[in-house]
């Protein structure tokens, strides 16, 4: 519902870039304290290459290139030296905040279900 006009490939590309762009910093307790006060500053959004997105997502490079172009045009990603990245304040958009909440909830549910399968 958060991306009503997009296909699953576009969402996968967006999520892959968002993860590559921010996840390293969001594991740092000091950065998490900063994010409680304000959005993650632009200089902490790391760029990633289209090739890396294709490898991580399993999508063809040409598909990734087209989807990245669409996401840049839509203002969801920004081109930077070294590739493409998310931008500061992205989660301030209500639709993306809702998408992030939904994704975290779904991943938590899946994680709990998978842990039940671990019988070792």
Protein backbone atom coordinates (compact mmCIF):
# COMPACT_ATOMS: atom_id res chain seq x y z
CA UNK A 1 0.00 0.00 0.00
CA UNK A 2 2.93 2.37 0.55
CA UNK A 3 4.15 1.97 -3.03
CA UNK A 4 0.86 1.56 -4.94
CA UNK A 5 2.30 2.46 -8.36
CA UNK A 6 5.49 0.42 -8.09
CA UNK A 7 6.29 -3.20 -8.79
CA UNK A 8 8.12 -5.57 -6.47
CA UNK A 9 11.43 -5.08 -8.31
CA UNK A 10 11.37 -1.34 -7.60
CA UNK A 11 10.64 -1.98 -3.93
CA UNK A 12 13.48 -4.52 -3.75
CA UNK A 13 15.90 -2.04 -5.32
CA UNK A 14 14.78 0.72 -2.93
CA UNK A 15 15.12 -1.54 0.12
CA UNK A 16 18.54 -2.78 -1.01
CA UNK A 17 19.83 0.77 -1.48
CA UNK A 18 18.30 1.91 1.82
CA UNK A 19 19.93 -0.96 3.67
CA UNK A 20 23.33 -0.37 2.07
CA UNK A 21 23.04 3.36 2.61
CA UNK A 22 22.17 3.42 6.30
CA UNK A 23 22.47 0.09 8.06
CA UNK A 24 26.11 0.39 9.11
CA UNK A 25 25.47 3.67 10.87
CA UNK A 26 22.22 2.58 12.44
CA UNK A 27 24.04 -0.16 14.37
CA UNK A 28 26.04 2.52 16.21
CA UNK A 29 24.41 3.50 19.54
CA UNK A 30 25.68 7.09 19.25
CA UNK A 31 24.10 7.43 15.81
CA UNK A 32 20.85 5.94 17.10
CA UNK A 33 20.79 8.62 19.81
CA UNK A 34 21.33 11.25 17.10
CA UNK A 35 18.50 9.80 14.99
CA UNK A 36 16.16 10.11 17.99
CA UNK A 37 16.71 13.88 17.77
CA UNK A 38 16.72 14.43 13.99
CA UNK A 39 16.95 12.54 10.70
CA UNK A 40 20.24 10.83 9.83
CA UNK A 41 22.37 13.59 8.22
CA UNK A 42 23.02 13.33 4.47
CA UNK A 43 26.76 12.80 4.96
CA UNK A 44 26.01 9.53 6.79
CA UNK A 45 24.00 8.08 3.90
CA UNK A 46 26.60 5.97 2.10
CA UNK A 47 26.34 5.52 -1.68
CA UNK A 48 26.24 2.07 -3.22
CA UNK A 49 26.73 1.04 -6.83
CA UNK A 50 24.10 -0.37 -9.14
CA UNK A 51 26.31 -3.41 -9.55
CA UNK A 52 26.28 -4.00 -5.78
CA UNK A 53 22.49 -3.61 -5.72
CA UNK A 54 22.16 -6.15 -8.55
CA UNK A 55 24.43 -8.63 -6.77
CA UNK A 56 22.66 -8.21 -3.41
CA UNK A 57 19.15 -8.40 -4.85
CA UNK A 58 19.71 -11.00 -7.55
CA UNK A 59 18.06 -8.74 -10.13
CA UNK A 60 19.62 -8.14 -13.55
CA UNK A 61 21.86 -5.05 -13.71
CA UNK A 62 19.76 -3.45 -16.45
CA UNK A 63 16.60 -3.86 -14.35
CA UNK A 64 18.39 -2.31 -11.38
CA UNK A 65 19.64 0.59 -13.52
CA UNK A 66 16.11 1.37 -14.75
CA UNK A 67 14.58 1.09 -11.29
CA UNK A 68 17.27 3.32 -9.79
CA UNK A 69 16.60 5.94 -12.48
CA UNK A 70 12.88 5.83 -11.64
CA UNK A 71 13.57 6.14 -7.90
CA UNK A 72 15.94 9.08 -8.46
CA UNK A 73 13.29 10.83 -10.60
CA UNK A 74 10.73 10.22 -7.85
CA UNK A 75 13.06 11.82 -5.28
CA UNK A 76 13.42 8.64 -3.23
CA UNK A 77 17.12 8.17 -4.04
CA UNK A 78 19.95 10.53 -4.88
CA UNK A 79 22.94 10.03 -7.15
CA UNK A 80 26.25 10.68 -5.44
CA UNK A 81 29.92 10.01 -6.03
CA UNK A 82 30.21 6.26 -5.82
CA UNK A 83 26.63 5.44 -6.66
CA UNK A 84 23.18 6.07 -5.30
CA UNK A 85 21.95 6.61 -1.76
CA UNK A 86 19.02 7.55 0.39
CA UNK A 87 18.69 11.10 1.71
CA UNK A 88 18.16 12.77 5.06
CA UNK A 89 14.56 13.00 6.18
CA UNK A 90 13.32 10.25 3.90
CA UNK A 91 11.36 8.62 6.73
CA UNK A 92 9.70 11.94 7.51
CA UNK A 93 7.47 11.22 4.53
CA UNK A 94 4.38 9.61 6.01
CA UNK A 95 4.12 6.93 3.32
CA UNK A 96 7.72 5.82 3.77
CA UNK A 97 7.49 5.84 7.54
CA UNK A 98 4.45 3.60 7.32
CA UNK A 99 6.31 1.35 4.87
CA UNK A 100 9.29 1.13 7.26
CA UNK A 101 7.03 0.27 10.20
CA UNK A 102 5.23 -2.39 8.17
CA UNK A 103 8.53 -3.88 6.95
CA UNK A 104 10.00 -4.07 10.46
CA UNK A 105 6.81 -5.67 11.75
CA UNK A 106 6.78 -8.23 8.94
CA UNK A 107 10.47 -9.05 9.40
CA UNK A 108 9.94 -9.52 13.13
CA UNK A 109 7.05 -11.88 12.45
CA UNK A 110 9.05 -13.88 9.93
CA UNK A 111 12.02 -14.04 12.30
CA UNK A 112 9.82 -15.42 15.07
CA UNK A 113 8.34 -18.03 12.74
CA UNK A 114 11.77 -19.06 11.48
CA UNK A 115 13.12 -19.40 15.01
CA UNK A 116 10.44 -22.03 15.64
CA UNK A 117 11.95 -24.09 12.83
CA UNK A 118 15.41 -24.02 14.42
CA UNK A 119 15.53 -27.29 16.30
CA UNK A 120 19.27 -27.47 16.79
